[in-house]
Amino acid sequence: MATMRVAQVSRPNGPFEIVERQIPEPGAGSVRIKVQACGICHSDSLVKEGALPGIQYPRVPGHEVAGVIDAVGPRVAGWTPGQRVGVGWHGGHCGHCEPCRRGDFFACQTGQVTGVTFDGGYADYMIAPASAVALLPAELPAVEAAPLMCAGITTFNALRNSSARPGDVVAILGLGGLGHLGVQYAAKMGFQAVAIARGKDKEPLAKQLGASIYIDSHAQDPAAELLKLGGAKVILATVTSGEAMSAAQGGLAVNGTLLIVGAVGSMEVSPLLLIGGRRSVKGWYSGTSIDSQDTLAFSARSGVRSMNEIFPLERVTDAYDRMMSGKARFRVVLTTGQ
């Protein structure tokens, strides 16, 4: 009986356990993926800490997966063994609920989440619905592709669906795991990319990533600095600080949007600011598998790359702790050695 390693959590707030399991067979509509790399995302803490209702334990986290299809279940069209693929947060959709019938697959009422409602990529192998799979470009190694399945798609998809057009001022609030990718995408899409972060020491990196202007929110008023540029058409908020989001909103141009992708408990919004300039605050969900595929293709063509720290699967605890410390530069990726 062939076995594989998985890094599972057996209970909320429990430790990671490296255990041996039988390699599963894909069912109808599913594929089996030989995992080569899996990013560790802050959202994985929801599984580790039991912060989401209804999670069944033991659970294998991981929704930034890159690998190779090695088996295909019945009733799967378009996917074959040997294809290099990735799987992100969006773990498939039913296709028949009202949001799905309207084409809003991300809002599926019974939608699955990779590594949350089914086992994810902290493993040698995983099973994924075929509808959740994205094709990896040949020029993107698995380690580079994995973080783009969440951090990448979230920032890329939000920006390409925003109201900003080439030449517009687009500010990226935060220069961490999401923000360092957001700055690259903004620059490559032809926006005037403005990076906002705390500390003068981050300016060289921001410029290296493509920002034309850097705003040190510790020493400067980000809203005032943005208004000197005529205001931002979009402020992409990647931080997890409601206070930082609130401080930047005054820098929106008329008809500008504060586009939130960083999960935060609450923030203050000025109704007068919104009304007076017809401004808005909007959230953005990462996207579906075809959005992931678009993200990967754009990244490969334009040279957008994630900055990663690499750990082997057996060091999952160290890797997770490194991510949670906030000191990683900037994404943490597990590798299986396959």
Protein backbone atom coordinates (compact mmCIF):
# COMPACT_ATOMS: atom_id res chain seq x y z
CA MET A 1 0.00 0.00 0.00
CA ALA A 2 1.57 3.26 -1.17
CA THR A 3 1.68 5.99 1.45
CA MET A 4 2.35 9.70 1.59
CA ARG A 5 3.27 12.30 4.19
CA VAL A 6 0.81 14.95 5.30
CA ALA A 7 1.16 17.76 7.82
CA GLN A 8 -2.17 17.71 9.63
CA VAL A 9 -3.82 19.56 12.49
CA SER A 10 -5.87 17.18 14.66
CA ARG A 11 -7.71 19.78 16.74
CA PRO A 12 -8.09 23.55 16.99
CA ASN A 13 -4.84 25.11 18.27
CA GLY A 14 -3.20 21.70 18.07
CA PRO A 15 0.35 21.18 16.77
CA PHE A 16 1.24 20.14 13.26
CA GLU A 17 1.71 16.38 12.98
CA ILE A 18 3.64 14.72 10.15
CA VAL A 19 1.79 11.43 9.59
CA GLU A 20 1.66 8.72 6.93
CA ARG A 21 -1.58 8.19 5.04
CA GLN A 22 -2.57 6.02 2.14
CA ILE A 23 -2.31 7.87 -1.16
CA PRO A 24 -5.95 8.62 -2.07
CA GLU A 25 -7.65 7.88 -5.38
CA PRO A 26 -9.46 10.72 -7.17
CA GLY A 27 -13.24 10.43 -7.32
CA ALA A 28 -15.60 11.62 -10.02
CA GLY A 29 -14.79 15.15 -11.16
CA SER A 30 -11.48 15.23 -9.27
CA VAL A 31 -7.78 14.94 -9.98
CA ARG A 32 -4.86 13.83 -7.85
CA ILE A 33 -1.92 16.22 -7.67
CA LYS A 34 1.63 15.31 -6.74
CA VAL A 35 2.44 18.40 -4.68
CA GLN A 36 5.82 20.02 -5.31
CA ALA A 37 5.35 23.26 -3.38
CA CYS A 38 2.71 24.85 -1.15
CA GLY A 39 2.74 28.37 0.19
CA ILE A 40 1.87 29.11 3.81
CA CYS A 41 -0.71 31.89 3.96
CA HIS A 42 -1.88 33.81 7.01
CA SER A 43 -5.37 32.45 6.27
CA ASP A 44 -4.04 29.01 7.21
CA SER A 45 -4.15 30.20 10.81
CA LEU A 46 -7.94 29.98 10.57
CA VAL A 47 -7.54 26.22 10.24
CA LYS A 48 -4.70 25.90 12.73
CA GLU A 49 -6.59 27.88 15.40
CA GLY A 50 -10.09 26.63 14.60
CA ALA A 51 -11.37 30.12 13.83
CA LEU A 52 -13.85 28.98 11.17
CA PRO A 53 -17.02 27.06 12.07
CA GLY A 54 -17.58 23.57 10.73
CA ILE A 55 -13.97 22.53 10.04
CA GLN A 56 -13.58 18.78 10.33
CA TYR A 57 -10.37 17.58 11.97
CA PRO A 58 -7.85 16.24 11.33
CA ARG A 59 -7.34 18.69 8.49
CA VAL A 60 -4.41 19.30 6.16
CA PRO A 61 -4.12 23.05 5.43
CA GLY A 62 -2.68 24.70 2.35
CA HIS A 63 -4.28 26.62 -0.53
CA GLU A 64 -1.22 27.84 -2.46
CA VAL A 65 -0.50 24.58 -4.23
CA ALA A 66 1.74 23.85 -7.21
CA GLY A 67 2.45 20.40 -8.59
CA VAL A 68 1.72 17.83 -11.28
CA ILE A 69 -1.46 15.87 -12.02
CA ASP A 70 -0.66 12.18 -11.64
CA ALA A 71 -4.17 10.66 -11.75
CA VAL A 72 -7.56 11.72 -13.09
CA GLY A 73 -10.93 10.57 -11.79
CA PRO A 74 -14.04 9.69 -13.85
CA ARG A 75 -15.95 12.45 -15.65
CA VAL A 76 -13.00 14.84 -15.83
CA ALA A 77 -12.53 16.64 -19.14
CA GLY A 78 -9.55 18.73 -20.20
CA TRP A 79 -7.03 17.49 -17.64
CA THR A 80 -4.51 14.69 -18.04
CA PRO A 81 -1.66 13.18 -16.01
CA GLY A 82 1.61 15.05 -16.42
CA GLN A 83 0.13 18.55 -16.58
CA ARG A 84 1.68 21.12 -14.24
CA VAL A 85 -1.10 22.74 -12.23
CA GLY A 86 -1.94 24.87 -9.24
CA VAL A 87 -4.84 25.09 -6.79
CA GLY A 88 -5.83 28.19 -4.83
CA TRP A 89 -8.29 29.27 -2.12
CA HIS A 90 -11.34 28.75 -4.35
CA GLY A 91 -11.84 24.99 -4.19
CA GLY A 92 -14.66 24.65 -6.70
CA HIS A 93 -18.32 25.57 -7.04
CA CYS A 94 -21.60 23.73 -7.50
CA GLY A 95 -22.72 25.40 -10.74
CA HIS A 96 -26.43 25.34 -9.88
CA CYS A 97 -27.05 27.74 -6.95
CA GLU A 98 -28.28 31.24 -7.80
CA PRO A 99 -24.85 32.97 -7.61
CA CYS A 100 -23.35 30.26 -9.84
CA ARG A 101 -26.21 30.55 -12.33
CA ARG A 102 -25.44 34.27 -12.53
CA GLY A 103 -21.76 33.56 -13.13
CA ASP A 104 -20.66 34.64 -9.65
CA PHE A 105 -18.83 31.39 -8.95
CA PHE A 106 -16.79 32.95 -6.15
CA ALA A 107 -20.01 33.41 -4.15
CA CYS A 108 -21.20 29.81 -4.54
CA GLN A 109 -23.49 28.98 -1.63
CA THR A 110 -21.87 25.57 -1.19
CA GLY A 111 -18.44 26.50 -2.48
CA GLN A 112 -15.42 24.60 -1.23
CA VAL A 113 -12.22 26.09 0.15
CA THR A 114 -8.92 24.31 -0.41
CA GLY A 115 -7.33 23.26 2.87
CA VAL A 116 -10.47 24.22 4.81
CA THR A 117 -13.42 22.15 3.57
CA PHE A 118 -11.10 19.48 2.12
CA ASP A 119 -7.44 18.62 2.66
CA GLY A 120 -4.94 20.96 1.08
CA GLY A 121 -1.34 21.07 -0.02
CA TYR A 122 0.74 20.50 3.12
CA ALA A 123 1.26 17.00 1.77
CA ASP A 124 2.97 14.86 -0.84
CA TYR A 125 -0.35 14.38 -2.68
CA MET A 126 -3.79 15.96 -2.60
CA ILE A 127 -7.16 15.52 -4.29
CA ALA A 128 -8.75 18.58 -5.88
CA PRO A 129 -11.97 19.20 -7.83
CA ALA A 130 -11.12 19.64 -11.50
CA SER A 131 -12.94 22.99 -11.45
CA ALA A 132 -10.38 24.30 -8.95
CA VAL A 133 -7.31 23.56 -11.07
CA ALA A 134 -5.23 26.12 -12.99
CA LEU A 135 -2.54 25.44 -15.57
CA LEU A 136 1.02 26.49 -14.67
CA PRO A 137 3.17 28.20 -17.32
CA ALA A 138 6.27 26.21 -18.26
CA GLU A 139 8.61 29.04 -17.26
CA LEU A 140 7.32 29.27 -13.66
CA PRO A 141 8.94 26.77 -11.24
CA ALA A 142 6.58 25.33 -8.63
CA VAL A 143 8.17 27.27 -5.77
CA GLU A 144 7.63 30.56 -7.62
CA ALA A 145 4.11 29.67 -8.74
CA ALA A 146 2.73 28.53 -5.37
CA PRO A 147 2.39 31.96 -3.63
CA LEU A 148 0.75 33.38 -6.74
CA MET A 149 -2.19 31.00 -6.15
CA CYS A 150 -3.38 33.24 -3.28
CA ALA A 151 -1.25 36.34 -2.66
CA GLY A 152 -0.76 36.77 -6.40
CA ILE A 153 -4.30 36.25 -7.62
CA THR A 154 -5.73 38.38 -4.82
CA THR A 155 -3.74 41.48 -5.77
CA PHE A 156 -3.68 40.94 -9.54
CA ASN A 157 -7.38 40.18 -9.84
CA ALA A 158 -8.39 43.09 -7.61
CA LEU A 159 -6.35 45.57 -9.66
CA ARG A 160 -7.45 44.32 -13.07
CA ASN A 161 -11.10 44.51 -12.02
CA SER A 162 -10.76 47.99 -10.51
CA SER A 163 -11.69 51.26 -12.20
CA ALA A 164 -8.03 52.24 -12.63
CA ARG A 165 -6.60 52.62 -16.11
CA PRO A 166 -3.00 52.86 -17.33
CA GLY A 167 -1.50 56.15 -16.18
CA ASP A 168 -3.75 56.47 -13.12
CA VAL A 169 -2.31 56.84 -9.64
CA VAL A 170 -2.68 53.53 -7.82
CA ALA A 171 -1.42 53.26 -4.25
CA ILE A 172 -0.48 49.98 -2.60
CA LEU A 173 -0.95 50.23 1.15
CA GLY A 174 1.48 47.81 2.78
CA LEU A 175 4.68 46.21 1.49
CA GLY A 176 4.40 42.69 2.87
CA GLY A 177 3.31 39.34 1.47
CA LEU A 178 0.47 40.83 -0.60
CA GLY A 179 1.85 44.33 -1.02
CA HIS A 180 5.19 43.41 -2.56
CA LEU A 181 3.26 41.64 -5.32
CA GLY A 182 0.67 44.41 -5.59
CA VAL A 183 3.36 47.00 -6.32
CA GLN A 184 4.80 44.81 -9.09
CA TYR A 185 1.40 44.23 -10.69
CA ALA A 186 0.46 47.91 -10.49
CA ALA A 187 3.68 48.92 -12.22
CA LYS A 188 3.44 46.22 -14.89
CA MET A 189 -0.19 47.17 -15.63
CA GLY A 190 0.91 50.70 -16.47
CA PHE A 191 -0.38 52.48 -13.38
CA GLN A 192 1.62 55.13 -11.55
CA ALA A 193 2.43 52.84 -8.66
CA VAL A 194 2.75 54.44 -5.23
CA ALA A 195 3.92 52.28 -2.32
CA ILE A 196 2.89 53.19 1.23
CA ALA A 197 4.60 51.53 4.19
CA ARG A 198 6.13 52.33 7.57
CA GLY A 199 9.78 53.37 7.65
CA LYS A 200 12.25 55.01 5.29
CA ASP A 201 14.20 51.75 5.08
CA LYS A 202 11.55 50.18 2.83
CA GLU A 203 11.93 52.78 0.06
CA PRO A 204 14.74 51.03 -1.87
CA LEU A 205 12.72 47.80 -2.06
CA ALA A 206 9.58 49.67 -3.13
CA LYS A 207 11.48 51.34 -5.97
CA GLN A 208 13.09 48.02 -6.93
CA LEU A 209 9.62 46.46 -7.20
CA GLY A 210 8.45 49.22 -9.55
CA ALA A 211 6.99 51.98 -7.36
CA SER A 212 7.55 55.43 -8.84
CA ILE A 213 6.87 57.07 -5.46
CA TYR A 214 7.31 55.88 -1.89
CA ILE A 215 5.38 57.29 1.07
CA ASP A 216 6.68 56.62 4.59
CA SER A 217 3.48 56.54 6.63
CA HIS A 218 5.52 56.85 9.83
CA ALA A 219 6.92 60.24 8.85
CA GLN A 220 4.34 61.50 6.36
CA ASP A 221 0.56 61.80 6.11
CA PRO A 222 -0.26 59.28 3.35
CA ALA A 223 -3.56 60.96 2.48
CA ALA A 224 -1.94 64.39 2.10
CA GLU A 225 0.90 62.98 -0.01
CA LEU A 226 -1.55 61.23 -2.34
CA LEU A 227 -3.56 64.42 -2.78
CA LYS A 228 -0.38 66.19 -3.93
CA LEU A 229 -0.43 63.71 -6.83
CA GLY A 230 -4.07 64.54 -7.59
CA GLY A 231 -5.42 61.69 -5.47
CA ALA A 232 -5.39 57.94 -6.00
CA LYS A 233 -7.85 56.33 -8.37
CA VAL A 234 -7.40 53.17 -6.30
CA ILE A 235 -5.80 52.46 -2.95
CA LEU A 236 -5.22 48.72 -2.69
CA ALA A 237 -5.23 48.02 1.05
CA THR A 238 -3.16 44.91 1.71
CA VAL A 239 -2.45 45.60 5.39
CA THR A 240 -4.28 44.07 8.35
CA SER A 241 -4.58 47.40 10.16
CA GLY A 242 -7.93 49.19 10.12
CA GLU A 243 -6.18 52.29 11.47
CA ALA A 244 -3.80 52.37 8.48
CA MET A 245 -6.70 51.96 6.05
CA SER A 246 -8.63 54.78 7.72
CA ALA A 247 -5.60 57.08 7.58
CA ALA A 248 -5.15 56.57 3.84
CA GLN A 249 -8.75 56.96 2.66
CA GLY A 250 -8.50 60.76 2.52
CA GLY A 251 -6.02 60.36 -0.33
CA LEU A 252 -8.63 59.06 -2.77
CA ALA A 253 -9.33 61.07 -5.89
CA VAL A 254 -12.86 61.94 -6.94
CA ASN A 255 -14.55 58.65 -7.88
CA GLY A 256 -11.66 56.81 -6.23
CA THR A 257 -11.96 53.44 -4.51
CA LEU A 258 -10.39 52.04 -1.37
CA LEU A 259 -10.06 48.41 -2.45
CA ILE A 260 -9.61 46.09 0.51
CA VAL A 261 -7.91 42.71 0.27
CA GLY A 262 -6.29 42.65 3.71
CA ALA A 263 -8.53 40.97 6.30
CA VAL A 264 -9.11 43.30 9.24
CA GLY A 265 -11.70 43.33 12.01
CA SER A 266 -12.94 46.90 11.59
CA MET A 267 -12.02 50.35 10.32
CA GLU A 268 -13.43 53.86 10.41
CA VAL A 269 -14.91 55.28 7.23
CA SER A 270 -15.87 58.92 6.68
CA PRO A 271 -19.34 59.20 5.13
CA LEU A 272 -18.65 62.83 4.19
CA LEU A 273 -15.52 61.82 2.33
CA LEU A 274 -17.46 59.19 0.37
CA ILE A 275 -20.41 61.44 -0.39
CA GLY A 276 -18.41 64.56 -1.23
CA GLY A 277 -16.21 62.86 -3.82
CA ARG A 278 -18.44 59.99 -4.85
CA ARG A 279 -15.76 57.74 -3.42
CA SER A 280 -16.24 54.12 -2.38
CA VAL A 281 -14.89 51.36 -0.20
CA LYS A 282 -14.94 47.88 -1.70
CA GLY A 283 -13.71 44.41 -0.84
CA TRP A 284 -12.32 41.88 -3.29
CA TYR A 285 -12.36 38.08 -3.18
CA SER A 286 -9.31 36.35 -4.66
CA GLY A 287 -10.91 34.61 -7.65
CA THR A 288 -11.62 31.30 -9.35
CA SER A 289 -9.27 28.89 -11.10
CA ILE A 290 -9.33 30.73 -14.43
CA ASP A 291 -8.40 33.93 -12.58
CA SER A 292 -5.47 32.02 -11.06
CA GLN A 293 -4.45 30.88 -14.52
CA ASP A 294 -4.57 34.46 -15.81
CA THR A 295 -2.49 35.59 -12.83
CA LEU A 296 0.16 32.96 -13.50
CA ALA A 297 0.30 33.73 -17.23
CA PHE A 298 0.61 37.49 -16.65
CA SER A 299 3.29 36.97 -13.99
CA ALA A 300 5.32 34.71 -16.26
CA ARG A 301 5.15 37.16 -19.18
CA SER A 302 5.77 40.35 -17.22
CA GLY A 303 8.37 39.12 -14.75
CA VAL A 304 6.33 39.51 -11.55
CA ARG A 305 7.84 37.22 -8.93
CA SER A 306 7.17 36.48 -5.29
CA MET A 307 10.02 36.82 -2.79
CA ASN A 308 10.04 33.55 -0.86
CA GLU A 309 11.60 31.73 2.07
CA ILE A 310 11.73 27.97 1.47
CA PHE A 311 11.25 25.17 4.03
CA PRO A 312 10.95 21.39 3.57
CA LEU A 313 7.61 19.83 4.52
CA GLU A 314 9.08 18.20 7.63
CA ARG A 315 9.84 21.68 9.01
CA VAL A 316 6.23 22.82 8.71
CA THR A 317 6.11 24.07 12.31
CA ASP A 318 9.15 26.30 11.81
CA ALA A 319 7.77 27.53 8.51
CA TYR A 320 4.35 28.34 9.97
CA ASP A 321 5.90 30.14 12.95
CA ARG A 322 8.08 32.15 10.59
CA MET A 323 4.99 33.25 8.65
CA MET A 324 3.08 34.14 11.80
CA SER A 325 6.01 36.18 13.15
CA GLY A 326 5.57 38.68 10.34
CA LYS A 327 9.33 38.63 9.71
CA ALA A 328 9.33 36.52 6.54
CA ARG A 329 10.49 38.29 3.36
CA PHE A 330 7.79 37.85 2.12
CA ARG A 331 6.10 34.49 1.50
CA VAL A 332 6.90 31.15 3.12
CA VAL A 333 6.79 28.08 0.89
CA LEU A 334 6.92 24.37 1.78
CA THR A 335 8.55 21.92 -0.61
CA THR A 336 8.08 18.16 -0.75
CA GLY A 337 11.20 17.22 -2.68
CA GLN A 338 9.12 15.58 -5.43
